[in-house]
């Protein structure tokens, strides 16, 4: 069997699993009533969703370690100079990007804001979810699992193979932002996710730890959401 056929088959299987894990998360999350702690429905449902898909990713990774060396999934926390530097540079660049976006958006009146009240529960709940769950859950499912599988199939033979694994994982991450049910493709969001996914994947490989992509992912969401909160408070 050719390498192209293998990669195509693996990509299809990964997509099916990632989609199924997400749908499973939505199904389980939808079984509960969170109104007593999350009146506006902003963070509890999506938090449970991400916990379920993270557990699903953990389970599959555990099963795959019977075939693939557990070290390939890079789950162990480790102090790595490259990981720390890449994470700090990423956060700085993203912070500057959103600063420019909000400055330009303020003068062009193109900033979209959230339509819910910025009370303590909503702010702490949404930022808490972004900080503690969004990165860990999605990086296990969309970085650690697929890149380890791709590199196992490709055989770790060259930089080209490594970049192929990073890019393919990023493509799957971008596809995950498509609303398949309603056939809606938010092109900017898909492209943005792929660019960020490539940065996360590169850091994953270079730092040899999923911890740094998790931090980068969570911080990107915190900067995005928190930046909007700051803008809303300053313009209210």
Protein backbone atom coordinates (compact mmCIF):
# COMPACT_ATOMS: atom_id res chain seq x y z
CA UNK A 1 0.00 0.00 0.00
CA UNK A 2 1.42 3.41 -1.00
CA UNK A 3 2.13 6.15 1.52
CA UNK A 4 -0.47 8.40 -0.14
CA UNK A 5 -3.21 5.81 0.30
CA UNK A 6 -2.21 5.25 3.93
CA UNK A 7 -2.22 8.97 4.73
CA UNK A 8 -5.57 9.45 3.00
CA UNK A 9 -7.09 6.57 4.95
CA UNK A 10 -5.64 7.80 8.26
CA UNK A 11 -6.95 11.32 7.56
CA UNK A 12 -10.46 10.01 6.95
CA UNK A 13 -10.37 7.90 10.13
CA UNK A 14 -9.06 10.83 12.18
CA UNK A 15 -11.78 13.10 10.82
CA UNK A 16 -14.46 10.56 11.67
CA UNK A 17 -13.15 10.12 15.19
CA UNK A 18 -12.73 13.85 15.84
CA UNK A 19 -16.23 14.55 14.54
CA UNK A 20 -17.67 11.68 16.58
CA UNK A 21 -15.86 12.84 19.74
CA UNK A 22 -17.27 16.35 19.28
CA UNK A 23 -20.80 15.05 18.65
CA UNK A 24 -20.53 12.76 21.66
CA UNK A 25 -19.48 15.75 23.75
CA UNK A 26 -22.47 17.74 22.52
CA UNK A 27 -24.83 14.84 23.22
CA UNK A 28 -23.64 14.29 26.79
CA UNK A 29 -23.48 18.02 27.55
CA UNK A 30 -27.05 18.42 26.35
CA UNK A 31 -28.35 15.92 28.94
CA UNK A 32 -27.89 18.34 31.86
CA UNK A 33 -29.48 21.54 33.12
CA UNK A 34 -26.91 24.20 34.07
CA UNK A 35 -29.28 27.10 34.66
CA UNK A 36 -28.53 27.34 38.38
CA UNK A 37 -24.83 28.10 37.78
CA UNK A 38 -24.89 29.36 34.19
CA UNK A 39 -28.10 31.31 33.69
CA UNK A 40 -27.15 32.59 30.23
CA UNK A 41 -25.85 29.23 28.98
CA UNK A 42 -22.39 30.52 28.14
CA UNK A 43 -19.83 28.11 29.55
CA UNK A 44 -21.12 24.99 31.36
CA UNK A 45 -22.48 23.18 28.31
CA UNK A 46 -19.34 23.78 26.26
CA UNK A 47 -17.17 22.88 29.28
CA UNK A 48 -18.81 19.46 29.61
CA UNK A 49 -18.58 19.04 25.83
CA UNK A 50 -14.82 19.62 25.93
CA UNK A 51 -14.33 17.32 28.93
CA UNK A 52 -16.06 14.48 27.08
CA UNK A 53 -14.08 14.92 23.86
CA UNK A 54 -10.87 15.17 25.88
CA UNK A 55 -11.65 11.88 27.62
CA UNK A 56 -12.39 10.31 24.24
CA UNK A 57 -9.00 11.48 22.94
CA UNK A 58 -7.27 10.14 26.06
CA UNK A 59 -8.96 6.76 25.58
CA UNK A 60 -7.91 6.40 21.96
CA UNK A 61 -4.36 7.54 22.75
CA UNK A 62 -4.19 4.95 25.54
CA UNK A 63 -5.32 2.25 23.12
CA UNK A 64 -2.85 3.36 20.45
CA UNK A 65 0.09 3.18 22.86
CA UNK A 66 -0.09 -0.59 22.39
CA UNK A 67 1.21 0.07 18.86
CA UNK A 68 2.71 3.57 18.95
CA UNK A 69 5.34 4.53 21.53
CA UNK A 70 3.64 6.66 24.20
CA UNK A 71 6.48 9.19 23.91
CA UNK A 72 5.21 10.10 20.42
CA UNK A 73 2.09 11.68 21.92
CA UNK A 74 4.31 13.96 24.06
CA UNK A 75 1.88 14.11 27.00
CA UNK A 76 4.46 14.57 29.74
CA UNK A 77 5.00 18.13 31.04
CA UNK A 78 8.61 19.22 30.60
CA UNK A 79 10.62 22.40 30.88
CA UNK A 80 11.79 23.22 27.37
CA UNK A 81 13.53 26.44 26.35
CA UNK A 82 12.11 26.41 22.83
CA UNK A 83 8.61 25.72 24.10
CA UNK A 84 8.77 28.64 26.54
CA UNK A 85 10.20 31.03 23.94
CA UNK A 86 7.71 30.04 21.22
CA UNK A 87 4.82 30.39 23.67
CA UNK A 88 5.90 33.86 24.81
CA UNK A 89 6.48 35.04 21.22
CA UNK A 90 3.10 33.65 20.15
CA UNK A 91 1.24 35.41 22.97
CA UNK A 92 3.03 38.69 22.21
CA UNK A 93 2.25 38.54 18.50
CA UNK A 94 -1.37 37.58 19.09
CA UNK A 95 -1.78 40.31 21.70
CA UNK A 96 -0.43 42.91 19.26
CA UNK A 97 -2.67 41.54 16.50
CA UNK A 98 -5.82 41.97 18.59
CA UNK A 99 -4.68 45.41 19.76
CA UNK A 100 -4.43 46.52 16.12
CA UNK A 101 -7.79 44.88 15.32
CA UNK A 102 -9.55 46.76 18.11
CA UNK A 103 -7.87 50.07 17.31
CA UNK A 104 -8.85 49.83 13.64
CA UNK A 105 -12.28 48.43 14.51
CA UNK A 106 -12.98 51.30 16.89
CA UNK A 107 -12.47 53.89 14.15
CA UNK A 108 -14.24 51.89 11.44
CA UNK A 109 -17.10 50.75 13.71
CA UNK A 110 -16.60 47.11 12.68
CA UNK A 111 -16.14 45.49 16.10
CA UNK A 112 -18.69 42.81 16.98
CA UNK A 113 -19.38 42.50 20.70
CA UNK A 114 -21.09 39.86 22.84
CA UNK A 115 -24.79 40.28 23.50
CA UNK A 116 -24.76 39.13 27.13
CA UNK A 117 -24.22 40.92 30.41
CA UNK A 118 -20.65 41.16 31.64
CA UNK A 119 -21.34 40.11 35.21
CA UNK A 120 -18.90 38.20 37.43
CA UNK A 121 -20.39 34.77 36.65
CA UNK A 122 -20.33 35.25 32.89
CA UNK A 123 -16.84 36.74 32.76
CA UNK A 124 -15.19 34.26 35.14
CA UNK A 125 -17.09 31.31 33.67
CA UNK A 126 -16.22 32.02 30.04
CA UNK A 127 -12.61 32.99 30.71
CA UNK A 128 -12.20 30.03 33.06
CA UNK A 129 -13.39 27.67 30.34
CA UNK A 130 -11.07 29.21 27.76
CA UNK A 131 -8.08 29.10 30.11
CA UNK A 132 -8.44 25.64 31.63
CA UNK A 133 -10.35 23.51 29.11
CA UNK A 134 -10.24 24.84 25.55
CA UNK A 135 -6.51 24.29 25.05
CA UNK A 136 -6.07 20.94 26.84
CA UNK A 137 -9.13 19.36 25.23
CA UNK A 138 -8.58 20.52 21.65
CA UNK A 139 -4.83 20.05 21.59
CA UNK A 140 -5.14 16.42 22.68
CA UNK A 141 -7.74 15.79 19.99
CA UNK A 142 -6.31 17.91 17.18
CA UNK A 143 -2.56 17.92 17.80
CA UNK A 144 -1.19 15.15 19.99
CA UNK A 145 -3.34 12.37 18.53
CA UNK A 146 -3.16 13.16 14.79
CA UNK A 147 0.49 14.26 14.62
CA UNK A 148 1.66 11.16 16.52
CA UNK A 149 -0.38 8.92 14.21
CA UNK A 150 0.79 10.67 11.05
CA UNK A 151 4.45 10.50 12.09
CA UNK A 152 4.08 6.83 12.96
CA UNK A 153 2.72 6.12 9.46
CA UNK A 154 5.28 8.38 7.77
CA UNK A 155 8.13 6.89 9.76
CA UNK A 156 9.80 10.11 11.03
CA UNK A 157 11.97 10.08 7.92
CA UNK A 158 12.41 13.76 7.05
CA UNK A 159 11.49 17.35 7.80
CA UNK A 160 9.05 17.07 4.91
CA UNK A 161 7.22 14.27 6.72
CA UNK A 162 7.10 16.30 9.94
CA UNK A 163 5.70 19.35 8.16
CA UNK A 164 3.17 17.17 6.35
CA UNK A 165 1.94 15.83 9.69
CA UNK A 166 1.71 19.35 11.14
CA UNK A 167 -0.18 20.72 8.14
CA UNK A 168 -2.59 17.78 7.88
CA UNK A 169 -3.42 18.09 11.58
CA UNK A 170 -4.02 21.82 11.05
CA UNK A 171 -6.32 21.11 8.10
CA UNK A 172 -8.37 18.76 10.28
CA UNK A 173 -8.48 21.47 12.94
CA UNK A 174 -9.74 23.97 10.37
CA UNK A 175 -12.38 21.55 9.10
CA UNK A 176 -13.60 21.13 12.69
CA UNK A 177 -14.72 24.78 12.57
CA UNK A 178 -17.09 24.09 9.67
CA UNK A 179 -20.78 23.77 10.51
CA UNK A 180 -21.35 20.54 8.60
CA UNK A 181 -24.98 20.15 9.73
CA UNK A 182 -26.03 23.57 8.42
CA UNK A 183 -23.53 23.51 5.54
CA UNK A 184 -21.98 26.78 6.70
CA UNK A 185 -18.29 27.46 6.06
CA UNK A 186 -16.90 30.46 7.98
CA UNK A 187 -13.87 30.84 5.74
CA UNK A 188 -11.97 33.33 7.88
CA UNK A 189 -12.43 31.22 11.01
CA UNK A 190 -11.36 28.07 9.18
CA UNK A 191 -8.25 29.75 7.77
CA UNK A 192 -7.43 31.40 11.10
CA UNK A 193 -7.72 28.02 12.87
CA UNK A 194 -5.37 26.44 10.34
CA UNK A 195 -2.75 29.17 10.80
CA UNK A 196 -2.90 28.88 14.59
CA UNK A 197 -2.96 25.09 14.31
CA UNK A 198 0.27 25.17 12.32
CA UNK A 199 1.92 27.28 15.06
CA UNK A 200 0.66 24.86 17.73
CA UNK A 201 1.86 21.85 15.74
CA UNK A 202 5.31 23.32 15.13
CA UNK A 203 5.69 24.07 18.84
CA UNK A 204 4.44 20.56 19.67
CA UNK A 205 7.18 18.99 17.56
CA UNK A 206 9.98 21.36 18.59
CA UNK A 207 9.25 21.36 22.33
CA UNK A 208 8.44 17.64 22.41
CA UNK A 209 5.55 18.39 24.77
CA UNK A 210 1.82 19.00 24.24
CA UNK A 211 1.83 21.36 27.24
CA UNK A 212 3.10 24.38 25.30
CA UNK A 213 0.50 24.11 22.49
CA UNK A 214 -2.15 23.74 25.19
CA UNK A 215 -0.98 26.97 26.82
CA UNK A 216 -0.77 28.76 23.47
CA UNK A 217 -4.25 27.60 22.48
CA UNK A 218 -5.82 28.60 25.79
CA UNK A 219 -4.07 31.97 25.81
CA UNK A 220 -5.16 32.72 22.25
CA UNK A 221 -8.78 32.23 23.31
CA UNK A 222 -8.34 34.19 26.55
CA UNK A 223 -6.75 37.09 24.64
CA UNK A 224 -9.54 37.03 22.05
CA UNK A 225 -12.44 36.84 24.50
CA UNK A 226 -10.81 38.97 27.19
CA UNK A 227 -9.91 41.62 24.64
CA UNK A 228 -13.54 41.92 23.64
CA UNK A 229 -14.56 42.21 27.29
CA UNK A 230 -12.08 45.05 27.84
CA UNK A 231 -13.33 46.79 24.71
CA UNK A 232 -16.96 46.44 25.85
CA UNK A 233 -16.18 47.88 29.28
CA UNK A 234 -14.21 50.78 27.83
CA UNK A 235 -16.96 51.71 25.36
CA UNK A 236 -19.98 51.15 27.58
